[in-house]
Protein backbone atom coordinates (compact mmCIF):
# COMPACT_ATOMS: atom_id res chain seq x y z
CA MET A 1 -23.37 4.56 -32.40
CA ARG A 2 -20.48 2.36 -33.67
CA ILE A 3 -17.42 3.83 -35.45
CA PHE A 4 -15.81 1.75 -37.92
CA MET A 5 -12.07 1.96 -39.15
CA ARG A 6 -10.82 0.30 -42.48
CA CYS A 7 -7.58 -1.45 -42.79
CA SER A 8 -6.91 -2.79 -46.21
CA THR A 9 -10.23 -4.61 -47.05
CA VAL A 10 -11.26 -5.17 -43.50
CA LEU A 11 -13.37 -2.99 -41.18
CA PHE A 12 -13.19 -3.09 -37.40
CA PRO A 13 -15.08 -1.09 -34.64
CA ALA A 14 -12.79 1.57 -33.14
CA VAL A 15 -13.56 0.47 -29.40
CA PHE A 16 -13.08 -3.21 -30.43
CA ILE A 17 -9.71 -2.55 -31.69
CA ALA A 18 -8.72 -0.17 -29.02
CA SER A 19 -9.74 -2.63 -26.31
CA ALA A 20 -7.90 -5.38 -28.12
CA VAL A 21 -9.95 -8.43 -29.07
CA SER A 22 -9.80 -11.59 -26.79
CA SER A 23 -12.60 -13.57 -28.12
CA GLY A 24 -15.18 -14.01 -30.82
CA ALA A 25 -15.16 -12.80 -34.53
CA VAL A 26 -16.07 -9.58 -36.12
CA VAL A 27 -17.52 -9.36 -39.51
CA ASP A 28 -17.11 -6.30 -41.79
CA PHE A 29 -19.54 -5.01 -44.47
CA SER A 30 -17.91 -7.27 -46.92
CA GLY A 31 -18.31 -10.30 -44.83
CA ASN A 32 -14.81 -10.79 -43.89
CA SER A 33 -14.02 -12.27 -40.35
CA ILE A 34 -11.56 -10.63 -37.92
CA ASN A 35 -9.92 -14.14 -37.85
CA SER A 36 -9.24 -13.69 -41.77
CA VAL A 37 -5.68 -14.54 -42.95
CA LYS A 38 -3.37 -11.74 -43.19
CA ALA A 39 -0.06 -13.55 -43.87
CA ILE A 40 1.41 -17.01 -44.45
CA VAL A 41 4.79 -17.82 -43.19
CA GLY A 42 5.98 -21.08 -44.23
CA ASP A 43 3.44 -23.54 -42.73
CA GLU A 44 1.93 -20.98 -40.31
CA ILE A 45 -0.57 -18.22 -40.66
CA ILE A 46 -1.07 -14.71 -39.09
CA THR A 47 -4.61 -13.65 -38.49
CA GLN A 48 -6.14 -10.49 -38.46
CA GLU A 49 -7.09 -10.92 -34.86
CA GLU A 50 -3.18 -11.53 -33.90
CA VAL A 51 -2.39 -8.39 -35.54
CA VAL A 52 -5.13 -6.25 -33.83
CA LYS A 53 -4.69 -7.83 -30.52
CA ARG A 54 -0.88 -7.08 -30.78
CA ALA A 55 -1.49 -3.63 -31.84
CA ALA A 56 -4.04 -2.88 -29.28
CA ILE A 57 -1.88 -0.60 -26.94
CA ALA A 58 -0.26 1.27 -29.75
CA ILE A 59 -3.80 2.18 -31.23
CA ARG A 60 -5.07 2.97 -27.80
CA GLU A 61 -2.48 5.65 -27.51
CA ALA A 62 -3.05 6.90 -31.01
CA GLN A 63 -6.77 7.24 -30.09
CA GLU A 64 -5.62 9.91 -27.41
CA GLN A 65 -3.40 11.65 -29.83
CA TYR A 66 -5.20 11.85 -33.07
CA LYS A 67 -8.57 12.52 -34.37
CA ASP A 68 -10.87 11.46 -37.46
CA LYS A 69 -8.88 10.87 -40.63
CA GLU A 70 -5.60 11.32 -39.13
CA PHE A 71 -6.40 8.80 -36.55
CA LEU A 72 -7.63 6.29 -39.31
CA GLU A 73 -4.37 6.69 -41.04
CA LYS A 74 -2.40 6.05 -37.82
CA VAL A 75 -4.19 2.91 -37.52
CA ASN A 76 -3.59 1.71 -40.84
CA GLU A 77 0.21 2.41 -40.50
CA ILE A 78 0.27 0.69 -36.81
CA LEU A 79 -1.54 -2.39 -38.27
CA LYS A 80 0.77 -2.48 -41.31
CA ASN A 81 3.71 -2.23 -39.06
CA THR A 82 2.50 -4.65 -36.68
CA LEU A 83 2.03 -7.23 -39.47
CA ASP A 84 5.56 -6.72 -40.61
CA GLU A 85 6.67 -7.49 -36.82
CA LEU A 86 4.63 -10.51 -36.73
CA ILE A 87 6.16 -11.82 -40.01
CA ASN A 88 9.72 -11.21 -38.56
CA ARG A 89 8.87 -12.85 -35.48
CA LYS A 90 7.74 -15.84 -37.20
CA VAL A 91 10.74 -16.12 -39.22
CA LEU A 92 13.21 -15.67 -36.20
CA ILE A 93 11.28 -18.25 -34.33
CA LYS A 94 11.68 -20.73 -37.25
CA GLU A 95 15.43 -20.25 -37.34
CA ALA A 96 15.70 -20.51 -33.56
CA GLN A 97 13.90 -23.87 -33.66
CA ARG A 98 16.02 -24.86 -36.30
CA ILE A 99 19.19 -24.14 -34.38
CA PHE A 100 18.03 -25.06 -30.93
CA GLY A 101 15.94 -28.20 -31.99
CA THR A 102 19.19 -30.18 -32.60
CA ASP A 103 21.30 -28.69 -29.81
CA LEU A 104 20.12 -30.16 -26.46
CA VAL A 105 22.75 -28.17 -24.49
CA GLN A 106 21.19 -24.89 -25.65
CA MET A 107 17.75 -25.98 -25.40
CA LYS A 108 18.52 -26.63 -21.60
CA GLU A 109 20.00 -23.01 -21.14
CA VAL A 110 16.71 -21.86 -22.72
CA GLU A 111 14.56 -23.77 -20.34
CA LYS A 112 17.07 -22.61 -17.39
CA ASP A 113 16.49 -18.98 -18.54
CA LEU A 114 12.57 -19.39 -18.74
CA ASP A 115 12.44 -21.08 -15.35
CA SER A 116 14.42 -18.36 -13.84
CA PHE A 117 12.25 -15.57 -15.54
CA MET A 118 8.96 -17.33 -14.47
CA LYS A 119 10.14 -17.85 -10.67
CA GLY A 120 10.97 -14.16 -10.55
CA ALA A 121 7.49 -13.23 -11.97
CA VAL A 122 5.97 -15.40 -9.31
CA LYS A 123 7.88 -14.12 -6.66
CA ASN A 124 6.94 -10.48 -7.62
CA VAL A 125 3.09 -11.10 -7.36
CA GLY A 126 3.45 -13.34 -4.37
CA SER A 127 2.60 -16.89 -5.41
CA LEU A 128 1.71 -18.99 -8.52
CA SER A 129 -2.06 -18.88 -8.00
CA LYS A 130 -1.83 -14.92 -7.87
CA TYR A 131 0.20 -14.91 -11.08
CA TYR A 132 -2.44 -16.88 -12.91
CA GLU A 133 -5.07 -14.69 -11.40
CA ILE A 134 -3.40 -11.57 -12.51
CA ALA A 135 -2.79 -13.29 -16.02
CA GLU A 136 -6.50 -14.17 -16.44
CA SER A 137 -7.66 -10.74 -15.41
CA GLN A 138 -5.73 -9.22 -18.20
CA GLY A 139 -6.93 -11.50 -20.72
CA ILE A 140 -3.53 -13.45 -20.88
CA ASN A 141 -3.45 -17.26 -21.07
CA PRO A 142 -0.42 -18.07 -19.01
CA ILE A 143 0.35 -21.26 -20.95
CA GLU A 144 0.42 -19.13 -24.38
CA LYS A 145 2.52 -16.56 -22.59
CA LYS A 146 5.14 -19.00 -21.19
CA LYS A 147 5.45 -20.13 -24.80
CA GLU A 148 5.92 -16.87 -26.11
CA LEU A 149 8.50 -15.95 -23.45
CA LYS A 150 10.37 -19.15 -24.28
CA GLU A 151 10.49 -17.94 -27.92
CA ASP A 152 11.58 -14.51 -26.89
CA ILE A 153 14.54 -16.10 -25.09
CA MET A 154 15.54 -18.08 -28.17
CA ILE A 155 15.12 -15.09 -30.42
CA ASP A 156 17.40 -13.24 -28.19
CA LYS A 157 20.01 -15.80 -28.19
CA ILE A 158 20.23 -16.05 -31.96
CA MET A 159 20.13 -12.14 -32.30
CA LYS A 160 23.13 -11.96 -29.95
CA ASP A 161 25.03 -14.15 -32.15
CA ASN A 162 23.82 -12.91 -35.42
CA VAL A 163 23.30 -9.16 -34.99
CA TYR A 164 24.40 -7.79 -31.36
CA ASN A 165 27.70 -9.17 -31.13
CA LYS A 166 28.82 -8.51 -34.60
CA VAL A 167 28.50 -4.59 -33.99
CA LYS A 168 32.00 -3.06 -34.04
CA ILE A 169 32.27 0.59 -34.03
CA GLN A 170 35.67 2.02 -34.39
CA PRO A 171 36.66 5.23 -32.35
CA LYS A 172 37.60 6.99 -35.67
CA LEU A 173 34.07 6.49 -36.84
CA LEU A 174 32.96 8.62 -34.06
CA ARG A 175 35.24 11.28 -34.60
CA ARG A 176 34.14 11.19 -38.45
CA TYR A 177 30.36 11.34 -37.50
CA TYR A 178 31.25 14.50 -35.35
CA THR A 179 33.10 16.25 -37.97
CA GLU A 180 30.61 15.61 -40.67
CA ASN A 181 27.72 16.45 -38.57
CA ILE A 182 28.88 19.25 -36.64
CA ASP A 183 25.88 21.42 -36.93
CA GLU A 184 24.05 18.79 -34.65
CA PHE A 185 26.27 19.83 -31.90
CA ARG A 186 26.03 23.53 -32.23
CA GLN A 187 24.32 25.16 -29.51
CA LYS A 188 22.41 28.40 -30.12
CA LYS A 189 22.69 31.19 -27.81
CA GLU A 190 20.14 31.65 -24.89
CA VAL A 191 18.81 35.35 -23.82
CA SER A 192 16.32 36.64 -21.92
CA MET A 193 14.70 39.99 -22.06
CA ARG A 194 13.86 42.24 -18.84
CA GLN A 195 11.72 45.45 -18.43
CA ILE A 196 11.49 48.22 -16.02
CA MET A 197 8.08 49.90 -16.90
CA ILE A 198 7.13 53.30 -14.90
CA LYS A 199 3.37 53.89 -15.69
CA PHE A 200 2.01 57.32 -15.92
CA SER A 201 -1.27 56.27 -14.29
CA ALA A 202 0.68 55.01 -11.30
CA HIS A 203 2.13 58.47 -10.68
CA ASN A 204 -1.25 60.36 -11.09
CA ASN A 205 -0.45 60.83 -14.88
CA ASN A 206 2.35 63.23 -13.85
CA LYS A 207 4.82 62.71 -16.91
CA GLU A 208 7.61 64.81 -15.36
CA GLU A 209 7.60 62.77 -12.04
CA VAL A 210 7.43 59.69 -14.10
CA LEU A 211 10.33 60.64 -16.28
CA SER A 212 12.48 62.14 -13.19
CA LEU A 213 11.93 58.45 -11.63
CA ALA A 214 13.04 56.78 -14.80
CA GLN A 215 16.10 58.96 -14.60
CA GLN A 216 16.88 57.91 -11.34
CA ILE A 217 16.69 54.43 -12.11
CA MET A 218 19.14 54.74 -15.14
CA LYS A 219 21.83 56.54 -13.01
CA ARG A 220 21.76 53.67 -10.49
CA LEU A 221 21.85 51.12 -13.50
CA ILE A 222 24.70 52.97 -15.07
CA LYS A 223 26.49 52.72 -11.50
CA GLY A 224 26.14 48.89 -11.66
CA GLU A 225 22.95 48.32 -9.62
CA ASP A 226 21.13 44.99 -10.68
CA PHE A 227 18.53 45.58 -13.16
CA SER A 228 16.39 42.62 -11.85
CA ASN A 229 16.33 43.92 -8.28
CA LEU A 230 15.40 47.31 -9.51
CA ALA A 231 12.63 46.06 -11.46
CA LYS A 232 11.16 44.34 -8.66
CA ARG A 233 11.20 47.48 -6.58
CA TYR A 234 10.19 50.16 -9.12
CA SER A 235 8.40 48.49 -12.19
CA ASP A 236 4.84 48.75 -12.96
CA GLY A 237 5.04 46.43 -15.78
CA PRO A 238 4.26 42.67 -16.05
CA ASN A 239 6.35 40.21 -14.23
CA ALA A 240 7.79 42.94 -12.07
CA GLU A 241 8.12 40.27 -9.04
CA ASN A 242 10.28 38.17 -11.41
CA GLY A 243 12.79 41.20 -12.14
CA GLY A 244 10.69 42.24 -15.24
CA LEU A 245 11.44 39.12 -17.02
CA LEU A 246 9.56 38.85 -20.50
CA SER A 247 8.80 36.02 -22.56
CA PHE A 248 9.47 36.47 -26.37
CA ASP A 249 5.85 36.17 -26.91
CA GLU A 250 5.38 39.20 -24.56
CA VAL A 251 7.94 41.13 -26.51
CA ASN A 252 6.23 40.16 -29.85
CA ASP A 253 3.02 41.73 -28.73
CA MET A 254 4.54 45.04 -28.01
CA ARG A 255 4.26 48.13 -30.01
CA LYS A 256 6.27 48.32 -33.28
CA ASP A 257 8.68 50.97 -32.03
CA LEU A 258 9.15 49.21 -28.64
CA ARG A 259 9.73 45.69 -30.29
CA GLU A 260 12.29 47.43 -32.61
CA ALA A 261 14.30 48.88 -29.88
CA VAL A 262 14.36 45.71 -27.82
CA TYR A 263 15.38 43.49 -30.79
CA SER A 264 18.29 46.28 -31.74
CA LEU A 265 19.95 45.38 -28.45
CA LYS A 266 23.20 43.33 -28.28
CA ASP A 267 23.94 40.72 -25.62
CA ASN A 268 23.91 42.19 -22.15
CA GLU A 269 23.06 45.67 -23.57
CA ARG A 270 20.62 48.09 -21.90
CA SER A 271 18.22 50.39 -23.72
CA ARG A 272 17.88 54.14 -23.36
CA ILE A 273 14.82 55.40 -21.50
CA ILE A 274 11.95 55.03 -24.26
CA GLU A 275 8.48 56.77 -23.99
CA SER A 276 5.42 55.01 -24.96
CA PRO A 277 1.63 56.28 -24.48
CA VAL A 278 1.36 54.36 -21.28
CA GLY A 279 4.79 55.57 -19.50
CA TYR A 280 8.62 54.99 -19.68
CA HIS A 281 10.40 51.72 -20.40
CA ILE A 282 13.97 50.56 -20.05
CA PHE A 283 15.01 47.21 -21.37
CA LYS A 284 17.93 44.82 -21.11
CA MET A 285 18.87 41.99 -23.12
CA GLU A 286 20.65 39.37 -21.00
CA LEU A 287 22.97 36.56 -22.47
CA ILE A 288 22.31 33.21 -20.59
CA LYS A 289 24.51 30.97 -22.76
CA PRO A 290 26.47 32.10 -25.79
CA GLU A 291 26.50 30.08 -28.86
CA LYS A 292 28.97 27.39 -28.63
CA ILE A 293 29.78 23.89 -30.26
CA GLN A 294 29.77 21.18 -27.96
CA GLU A 295 33.36 19.43 -27.54
CA PHE A 296 33.75 15.99 -28.92
CA GLU A 297 34.36 14.42 -25.46
CA ASP A 298 31.00 15.79 -24.29
CA VAL A 299 29.10 14.11 -26.94
CA GLN A 300 31.01 10.97 -27.91
CA GLU A 301 28.79 8.65 -25.97
CA ASP A 302 25.84 10.11 -27.47
CA ILE A 303 27.19 9.70 -30.88
CA TYR A 304 28.27 6.15 -29.93
CA LYS A 305 24.66 5.32 -29.04
CA LYS A 306 23.14 6.65 -32.22
CA ILE A 307 25.61 5.05 -34.55
CA TYR A 308 25.08 1.85 -32.43
CA ARG A 309 21.30 1.88 -33.05
CA GLU A 310 21.63 2.36 -36.63
CA GLU A 311 24.31 -0.26 -37.14
CA ILE A 312 21.93 -2.80 -34.94
CA THR A 313 19.02 -1.89 -37.28
CA ARG A 314 21.19 -2.30 -40.49
CA LEU A 315 22.35 -5.68 -39.42
CA LYS A 316 19.08 -6.91 -38.16
CA ASN A 317 17.38 -6.06 -41.38
CA GLN A 318 20.16 -7.84 -43.41
CA TYR A 319 19.99 -10.86 -41.04
CA LEU A 320 16.17 -11.03 -41.54
CA LYS A 321 16.45 -10.52 -45.56
CA ASN A 322 18.82 -13.44 -45.52
CA LEU A 323 16.51 -15.54 -43.37
CA LYS A 324 13.43 -14.76 -45.60
CA THR A 325 15.02 -16.12 -48.70
CA GLY A 326 14.55 -19.42 -47.36
CA VAL A 327 10.89 -19.05 -46.17
CA PHE A 328 7.64 -18.87 -48.17
CA ILE A 329 5.95 -15.76 -47.15
CA ARG A 330 2.79 -14.36 -48.58
CA ILE A 331 0.81 -11.14 -47.47
CA VAL A 332 -2.84 -11.55 -48.00
CA ASP A 333 -4.71 -8.32 -49.14
């Protein structure tokens, strides 16, 4: 059985999309081909096949995470974003060709960088023949790939000049971000819950004996003995071997009266001896980390990276917007 996915007015087999088309044309129910034009950028076109092929890895990953309708919606989103990326790439390539086409010195630098990259790739696999063999086994045309790499180098150079090198972040901006977004740097306190449980059933249902043991344990706790060690030695409850450590799911599954007793405890406070139908319990709330606000000096590097990424995105979008004003672009539905 073949499952089909719709993107705009074009339908594709799910397996076909996920494996990335390498040849041939697929026709949907309305007669549209996989090679149908999805966008025109200047005097070049972008086909549906280019979009699907470039999106293949992302779609395969989505196939593992999403199901049914959610998967189809994700595929539509991936294909739309990929088309936008390809349009942007075409625009950047045109600008790079305009700049480097008349600058022999820069073109020599591009060719030098490309040659260095190719030599490194060949060295990594052992030989040129091995490089071609691997490329062909992956459905990659080495000549087309080399052309794409050259374009990538050219794009990177104009992006450095017009985007990356224009990013300037003043130190006072980092401090302002920290002050205005202080809640981002507030670390919640971390606590753990421990229990010592002495079961009636473990002592021949002799309640007096169990209470006496619980009272002895309490006296030792009051004198300062370690709760975890006593739990390991005496507790009949869950996770005794881990010092009676309880997850908060386990606490929430307790009887209401025990749960209320636990949640009434303050940091590093111990409960009284509490009776339940199964035995006697002693709980302890342990503060691992108190609530605190991270110091500016500890987070300024993270703030810088965040603002840097945002500024790169802003400048890149602005640069592309300016370039697009001089290029004919049409998306074909």
